[in-house]
Structure formats: structure tokens, C-alpha cells
Amino acid sequence: MRVGPAGWSYPDWAGYVYPSRRPKGFHEATYLAEYFDTIEINTSFYQPLRADHAAQWIERVAANPRFVFTAKLWQRFTHDIRSTASGSAAAEEREVRAGFDVLRGQQARRGAAAIPFFVS
């Protein structure tokens, strides 16, 4: 079992979770990787996970060899029924897969893929 926060970019965590004065080069994911071995990527729910961002995040947590990211599936696939009928689903799948594939690559930093479904 892995335990970690849902995201890392929260201004109100300054002084509580993160140091009040951040040293030069400070990054939240690097800091959290000292204490946890997973973090959920929240941005992947709101837009496709960019491959270049995923690669940067992998570099930032490299000091923790057990660390993996959990990423949410883009809400277009779970909450927007129009997109599946629009004919653009194949292109959107490739776009989402690009970021997920970086996490799954040589350094194997992808943990779970969270698939939240809309319930009304």
C-alpha cells in the first residue's frame, strides 16, 4: 500500500507542509518525495498529461527509487459523453497516452491510473 497526497501545488501549504522559506530550486514534488512514495497528479483530470511535464516530474523525484505517480484519467473520457460521440476520441486517446507512456517508460514511475466517474 502507498500513501501520498493528492497533488502538490497548493499555496496554502506554505509554512505547514512546505518550509515557509523555500531554498533556491525548491520544488514541491521533490520535497514530498522525501516523505511519501506516491503523489496523485490532479492536472491530468483537467487536461491531458503533457509528456514534457511528466518527464520533468520524474527527474524531480529521482532520489526516491520507490516513488510512483498516480494519475487521474482526463475528465473528457469519464464525464463528457459528447467527446466519445464526436469522432475525436482516437486523437484524444493518443494525446492522453503520450503523458501516461512517459510515466510508464524506462524509469517505471506510473502507479495507479485513477478513473473517477461522474455520478449524479
N, C-alpha and C. Protein backbone atom coordinates (compact mmCIF):
# COMPACT_ATOMS: atom_id res chain seq x y z
N MET A 1 0.84 -1.16 0.00
CA MET A 1 0.00 0.00 0.00
C MET A 1 0.90 1.24 0.00
N ARG A 2 0.48 2.24 -0.74
CA ARG A 2 1.21 3.51 -0.80
C ARG A 2 0.30 4.62 -0.29
N VAL A 3 0.90 5.58 0.36
CA VAL A 3 0.16 6.72 0.89
C VAL A 3 0.87 7.99 0.43
N GLY A 4 0.10 8.93 -0.08
CA GLY A 4 0.67 10.19 -0.51
C GLY A 4 -0.44 11.20 -0.76
N PRO A 5 -0.08 12.44 -0.96
CA PRO A 5 -1.07 13.49 -1.17
C PRO A 5 -1.66 13.50 -2.57
N ALA A 6 -2.82 14.11 -2.68
CA ALA A 6 -3.48 14.31 -3.97
C ALA A 6 -3.04 15.67 -4.50
N GLY A 7 -1.92 15.68 -5.19
CA GLY A 7 -1.38 16.91 -5.74
C GLY A 7 -0.28 17.48 -4.87
N TRP A 8 0.32 18.57 -5.37
CA TRP A 8 1.41 19.18 -4.62
C TRP A 8 1.47 20.70 -4.76
N SER A 9 0.69 21.27 -5.62
CA SER A 9 0.80 22.70 -5.88
C SER A 9 -0.34 23.45 -5.19
N TYR A 10 -0.18 23.65 -3.90
CA TYR A 10 -1.20 24.32 -3.11
C TYR A 10 -0.55 25.46 -2.32
N PRO A 11 -0.82 26.71 -2.68
CA PRO A 11 -0.20 27.85 -1.99
C PRO A 11 -0.41 27.84 -0.47
N ASP A 12 -1.57 27.38 -0.02
CA ASP A 12 -1.85 27.40 1.41
C ASP A 12 -1.06 26.34 2.20
N TRP A 13 -0.28 25.51 1.53
CA TRP A 13 0.58 24.54 2.23
C TRP A 13 1.89 25.17 2.68
N ALA A 14 2.20 26.37 2.20
CA ALA A 14 3.44 27.04 2.59
C ALA A 14 3.44 27.29 4.09
N GLY A 15 4.50 26.89 4.74
CA GLY A 15 4.62 27.07 6.19
C GLY A 15 3.99 25.96 7.00
N TYR A 16 3.17 25.11 6.37
CA TYR A 16 2.55 23.97 7.06
C TYR A 16 3.14 22.66 6.55
N VAL A 17 3.02 22.46 5.26
CA VAL A 17 3.58 21.25 4.64
C VAL A 17 4.98 21.54 4.12
N TYR A 18 5.13 22.68 3.48
CA TYR A 18 6.41 23.08 2.92
C TYR A 18 7.06 24.13 3.82
N PRO A 19 8.37 24.27 3.73
CA PRO A 19 9.02 25.32 4.52
C PRO A 19 8.50 26.71 4.14
N SER A 20 8.43 27.60 5.10
CA SER A 20 7.99 28.97 4.82
C SER A 20 8.93 29.65 3.84
N ARG A 21 10.21 29.45 4.06
CA ARG A 21 11.22 29.99 3.16
C ARG A 21 11.78 28.85 2.33
N ARG A 22 11.49 28.91 1.07
CA ARG A 22 11.92 27.83 0.18
C ARG A 22 13.31 28.12 -0.37
N PRO A 23 14.20 27.14 -0.29
CA PRO A 23 15.53 27.35 -0.85
C PRO A 23 15.48 27.45 -2.38
N LYS A 24 16.52 28.01 -2.95
CA LYS A 24 16.60 28.14 -4.41
C LYS A 24 16.48 26.75 -5.03
N GLY A 25 15.68 26.64 -6.08
CA GLY A 25 15.49 25.37 -6.77
C GLY A 25 14.46 24.46 -6.11
N PHE A 26 13.78 24.94 -5.09
CA PHE A 26 12.78 24.13 -4.37
C PHE A 26 11.65 23.75 -5.31
N HIS A 27 11.24 22.49 -5.24
CA HIS A 27 10.05 22.03 -5.96
C HIS A 27 9.25 21.15 -5.01
N GLU A 28 7.96 21.35 -5.00
CA GLU A 28 7.08 20.65 -4.07
C GLU A 28 7.15 19.14 -4.22
N ALA A 29 7.16 18.64 -5.45
CA ALA A 29 7.18 17.19 -5.66
C ALA A 29 8.48 16.58 -5.14
N THR A 30 9.58 17.26 -5.33
CA THR A 30 10.87 16.77 -4.81
C THR A 30 10.82 16.68 -3.29
N TYR A 31 10.30 17.71 -2.67
CA TYR A 31 10.19 17.74 -1.21
C TYR A 31 9.29 16.61 -0.70
N LEU A 32 8.12 16.45 -1.30
CA LEU A 32 7.19 15.42 -0.85
C LEU A 32 7.73 14.02 -1.08
N ALA A 33 8.54 13.83 -2.11
CA ALA A 33 9.12 12.52 -2.39
C ALA A 33 10.10 12.07 -1.30
N GLU A 34 10.51 12.99 -0.45
CA GLU A 34 11.34 12.63 0.70
C GLU A 34 10.53 11.93 1.78
N TYR A 35 9.21 12.15 1.79
CA TYR A 35 8.33 11.64 2.84
C TYR A 35 7.32 10.61 2.36
N PHE A 36 6.99 10.65 1.08
CA PHE A 36 5.99 9.76 0.51
C PHE A 36 6.57 9.03 -0.69
N ASP A 37 5.95 7.92 -1.08
CA ASP A 37 6.40 7.23 -2.28
C ASP A 37 5.36 7.27 -3.39
N THR A 38 4.39 8.17 -3.26
CA THR A 38 3.44 8.41 -4.34
C THR A 38 2.80 9.78 -4.17
N ILE A 39 2.39 10.36 -5.28
CA ILE A 39 1.60 11.59 -5.32
C ILE A 39 0.60 11.41 -6.46
N GLU A 40 -0.60 11.91 -6.25
CA GLU A 40 -1.58 11.89 -7.33
C GLU A 40 -1.42 13.14 -8.20
N ILE A 41 -1.39 12.94 -9.49
CA ILE A 41 -1.33 14.05 -10.44
C ILE A 41 -2.77 14.47 -10.71
N ASN A 42 -3.15 15.62 -10.20
CA ASN A 42 -4.52 16.11 -10.39
C ASN A 42 -4.73 16.76 -11.74
N THR A 43 -3.70 17.38 -12.29
CA THR A 43 -3.88 18.11 -13.54
C THR A 43 -4.30 17.22 -14.69
N SER A 44 -3.96 15.93 -14.63
CA SER A 44 -4.32 15.02 -15.71
C SER A 44 -5.82 14.81 -15.82
N PHE A 45 -6.57 15.19 -14.80
CA PHE A 45 -8.02 15.10 -14.86
C PHE A 45 -8.60 16.25 -15.68
N TYR A 46 -7.96 17.40 -15.64
CA TYR A 46 -8.49 18.60 -16.29
C TYR A 46 -7.99 18.81 -17.71
N GLN A 47 -6.87 18.20 -18.03
CA GLN A 47 -6.31 18.28 -19.38
C GLN A 47 -5.36 17.11 -19.56
N PRO A 48 -5.09 16.72 -20.79
CA PRO A 48 -4.16 15.61 -21.00
C PRO A 48 -2.80 15.89 -20.35
N LEU A 49 -2.23 14.88 -19.76
CA LEU A 49 -0.92 14.99 -19.13
C LEU A 49 0.13 15.19 -20.20
N ARG A 50 0.84 16.31 -20.13
CA ARG A 50 1.87 16.60 -21.12
C ARG A 50 3.10 15.75 -20.87
N ALA A 51 3.63 15.16 -21.93
CA ALA A 51 4.79 14.29 -21.82
C ALA A 51 6.00 15.03 -21.25
N ASP A 52 6.21 16.28 -21.65
CA ASP A 52 7.37 17.02 -21.14
C ASP A 52 7.23 17.31 -19.65
N HIS A 53 6.02 17.57 -19.17
CA HIS A 53 5.82 17.76 -17.74
C HIS A 53 6.08 16.47 -16.98
N ALA A 54 5.56 15.37 -17.49
CA ALA A 54 5.78 14.07 -16.83
C ALA A 54 7.28 13.77 -16.73
N ALA A 55 8.02 14.05 -17.77
CA ALA A 55 9.47 13.80 -17.74
C ALA A 55 10.16 14.67 -16.69
N GLN A 56 9.75 15.92 -16.58
CA GLN A 56 10.32 16.81 -15.57
C GLN A 56 10.00 16.32 -14.16
N TRP A 57 8.78 15.89 -13.94
CA TRP A 57 8.40 15.41 -12.61
C TRP A 57 9.17 14.15 -12.23
N ILE A 58 9.40 13.28 -13.20
CA ILE A 58 10.18 12.07 -12.94
C ILE A 58 11.58 12.45 -12.48
N GLU A 59 12.18 13.42 -13.13
CA GLU A 59 13.51 13.89 -12.71
C GLU A 59 13.49 14.44 -11.30
N ARG A 60 12.42 15.12 -10.95
CA ARG A 60 12.35 15.76 -9.63
C ARG A 60 12.22 14.77 -8.48
N VAL A 61 11.73 13.57 -8.75
CA VAL A 61 11.56 12.58 -7.67
C VAL A 61 12.58 11.45 -7.77
N ALA A 62 13.59 11.62 -8.59
CA ALA A 62 14.56 10.56 -8.87
C ALA A 62 15.29 10.05 -7.63
N ALA A 63 15.41 10.86 -6.60
CA ALA A 63 16.13 10.44 -5.39
C ALA A 63 15.39 9.35 -4.62
N ASN A 64 14.11 9.18 -4.89
CA ASN A 64 13.32 8.14 -4.21
C ASN A 64 13.03 7.02 -5.22
N PRO A 65 13.79 5.93 -5.19
CA PRO A 65 13.63 4.87 -6.19
C PRO A 65 12.29 4.14 -6.13
N ARG A 66 11.57 4.24 -5.02
CA ARG A 66 10.26 3.58 -4.88
C ARG A 66 9.10 4.47 -5.34
N PHE A 67 9.40 5.69 -5.68
CA PHE A 67 8.35 6.67 -5.95
C PHE A 67 7.63 6.37 -7.26
N VAL A 68 6.28 6.46 -7.22
CA VAL A 68 5.45 6.36 -8.42
C VAL A 68 4.38 7.44 -8.37
N PHE A 69 3.94 7.86 -9.53
CA PHE A 69 2.84 8.82 -9.65
C PHE A 69 1.55 8.07 -9.92
N THR A 70 0.48 8.54 -9.33
CA THR A 70 -0.86 8.10 -9.69
C THR A 70 -1.46 9.23 -10.51
N ALA A 71 -2.06 8.91 -11.63
CA ALA A 71 -2.63 9.94 -12.49
C ALA A 71 -4.10 9.67 -12.74
N LYS A 72 -4.88 10.72 -12.68
CA LYS A 72 -6.30 10.60 -13.00
C LYS A 72 -6.48 10.62 -14.51
N LEU A 73 -7.43 9.85 -14.97
CA LEU A 73 -7.78 9.88 -16.39
C LEU A 73 -8.50 11.19 -16.69
N TRP A 74 -8.22 11.76 -17.84
CA TRP A 74 -8.81 13.02 -18.28
C TRP A 74 -10.33 12.95 -18.20
N GLN A 75 -10.94 13.98 -17.64
CA GLN A 75 -12.39 14.01 -17.45
C GLN A 75 -13.17 13.94 -18.76
N ARG A 76 -12.55 14.26 -19.87
CA ARG A 76 -13.23 14.14 -21.16
C ARG A 76 -13.71 12.71 -21.39
N PHE A 77 -12.97 11.74 -20.87
CA PHE A 77 -13.34 10.32 -21.06
C PHE A 77 -14.33 9.83 -20.01
N THR A 78 -14.38 10.48 -18.87
CA THR A 78 -15.23 9.98 -17.79
C THR A 78 -16.47 10.83 -17.53
N HIS A 79 -16.43 12.09 -17.93
CA HIS A 79 -17.53 12.99 -17.59
C HIS A 79 -18.21 13.64 -18.79
N ASP A 80 -17.62 13.56 -19.97
CA ASP A 80 -18.14 14.28 -21.13
C ASP A 80 -18.53 13.29 -22.22
N ILE A 81 -19.75 12.87 -22.22
CA ILE A 81 -20.23 11.86 -23.17
C ILE A 81 -20.16 12.38 -24.61
N ARG A 82 -20.21 13.70 -24.80
CA ARG A 82 -20.16 14.27 -26.15
C ARG A 82 -18.85 13.93 -26.85
N SER A 83 -17.77 13.85 -26.11
CA SER A 83 -16.47 13.62 -26.75
C SER A 83 -16.37 12.22 -27.35
N THR A 84 -17.03 11.26 -26.73
CA THR A 84 -16.95 9.91 -27.27
C THR A 84 -17.75 9.77 -28.55
N ALA A 85 -18.72 10.65 -28.74
CA ALA A 85 -19.54 10.59 -29.94
C ALA A 85 -19.04 11.55 -31.03
N SER A 86 -18.05 12.37 -30.70
CA SER A 86 -17.63 13.41 -31.64
C SER A 86 -16.71 12.92 -32.74
N GLY A 87 -16.15 11.74 -32.59
CA GLY A 87 -15.23 11.23 -33.59
C GLY A 87 -13.78 11.61 -33.32
N SER A 88 -13.54 12.39 -32.29
CA SER A 88 -12.17 12.80 -31.96
C SER A 88 -11.56 11.94 -30.87
N ALA A 89 -12.24 10.90 -30.47
CA ALA A 89 -11.78 10.08 -29.35
C ALA A 89 -10.41 9.45 -29.62
N ALA A 90 -10.13 9.01 -30.82
CA ALA A 90 -8.84 8.37 -31.12
C ALA A 90 -7.70 9.36 -30.96
N ALA A 91 -7.86 10.56 -31.46
CA ALA A 91 -6.82 11.59 -31.32
C ALA A 91 -6.63 11.96 -29.86
N GLU A 92 -7.73 12.09 -29.13
CA GLU A 92 -7.65 12.43 -27.71
C GLU A 92 -6.99 11.30 -26.91
N GLU A 93 -7.27 10.07 -27.29
CA GLU A 93 -6.63 8.94 -26.62
C GLU A 93 -5.11 9.00 -26.80
N ARG A 94 -4.66 9.29 -28.01
CA ARG A 94 -3.22 9.40 -28.27
C ARG A 94 -2.59 10.52 -27.44
N GLU A 95 -3.31 11.63 -27.33
CA GLU A 95 -2.82 12.76 -26.56
C GLU A 95 -2.66 12.39 -25.08
N VAL A 96 -3.63 11.71 -24.52
CA VAL A 96 -3.57 11.28 -23.12
C VAL A 96 -2.48 10.23 -22.94
N ARG A 97 -2.42 9.31 -23.86
CA ARG A 97 -1.44 8.22 -23.76
C ARG A 97 0.00 8.73 -23.76
N ALA A 98 0.27 9.81 -24.46
CA ALA A 98 1.63 10.34 -24.55
C ALA A 98 2.20 10.64 -23.16
N GLY A 99 1.43 11.29 -22.31
CA GLY A 99 1.89 11.60 -20.96
C GLY A 99 1.97 10.36 -20.09
N PHE A 100 0.97 9.50 -20.18
CA PHE A 100 0.97 8.27 -19.39
C PHE A 100 2.13 7.36 -19.79
N ASP A 101 2.46 7.33 -21.07
CA ASP A 101 3.56 6.48 -21.53
C ASP A 101 4.91 6.92 -20.97
N VAL A 102 5.10 8.22 -20.77
CA VAL A 102 6.34 8.69 -20.16
C VAL A 102 6.46 8.14 -18.75
N LEU A 103 5.37 8.18 -18.00
CA LEU A 103 5.37 7.65 -16.63
C LEU A 103 5.61 6.14 -16.61
N ARG A 104 5.20 5.48 -17.65
CA ARG A 104 5.32 4.03 -17.75
C ARG A 104 6.66 3.60 -18.32
N GLY A 105 7.45 4.54 -18.82
CA GLY A 105 8.68 4.26 -19.55
C GLY A 105 9.77 3.59 -18.74
N GLN A 106 11.00 3.81 -19.15
CA GLN A 106 12.16 3.13 -18.59
C GLN A 106 12.25 3.23 -17.08
N GLN A 107 11.88 4.38 -16.54
CA GLN A 107 12.01 4.55 -15.10
C GLN A 107 10.79 4.05 -14.34
N ALA A 108 9.78 3.58 -15.04
CA ALA A 108 8.58 2.97 -14.46
C ALA A 108 8.07 3.75 -13.25
N ARG A 109 7.61 4.95 -13.49
CA ARG A 109 7.14 5.81 -12.40
C ARG A 109 5.62 5.93 -12.35
N ARG A 110 4.92 5.11 -13.11
CA ARG A 110 3.45 5.17 -13.07
C ARG A 110 2.94 4.15 -12.09
N GLY A 111 2.17 4.61 -11.14
CA GLY A 111 1.48 3.72 -10.22
C GLY A 111 0.11 3.43 -10.79
N ALA A 112 -0.90 3.75 -10.04
CA ALA A 112 -2.26 3.50 -10.47
C ALA A 112 -2.75 4.60 -11.42
N ALA A 113 -3.71 4.25 -12.20
CA ALA A 113 -4.45 5.22 -13.00
C ALA A 113 -5.82 5.32 -12.37
N ALA A 114 -6.15 6.49 -11.87
CA ALA A 114 -7.44 6.72 -11.22
C ALA A 114 -8.46 7.10 -12.28
N ILE A 115 -9.61 6.44 -12.24
CA ILE A 115 -10.65 6.70 -13.21
C ILE A 115 -11.92 7.10 -12.47
N PRO A 116 -12.04 8.40 -12.15
CA PRO A 116 -13.23 8.85 -11.42
C PRO A 116 -14.42 8.98 -12.37
N PHE A 117 -15.54 8.43 -11.98
CA PHE A 117 -16.72 8.51 -12.81
C PHE A 117 -17.72 9.45 -12.19
N PHE A 118 -18.37 10.20 -13.05
CA PHE A 118 -19.38 11.18 -12.63
C PHE A 118 -20.64 10.44 -12.22
N VAL A 119 -21.16 10.82 -11.09
CA VAL A 119 -22.43 10.26 -10.61
C VAL A 119 -23.33 11.42 -10.27
N SER A 120 -24.55 11.39 -10.82
CA SER A 120 -25.47 12.48 -10.49
C SER A 120 -26.71 11.94 -9.86
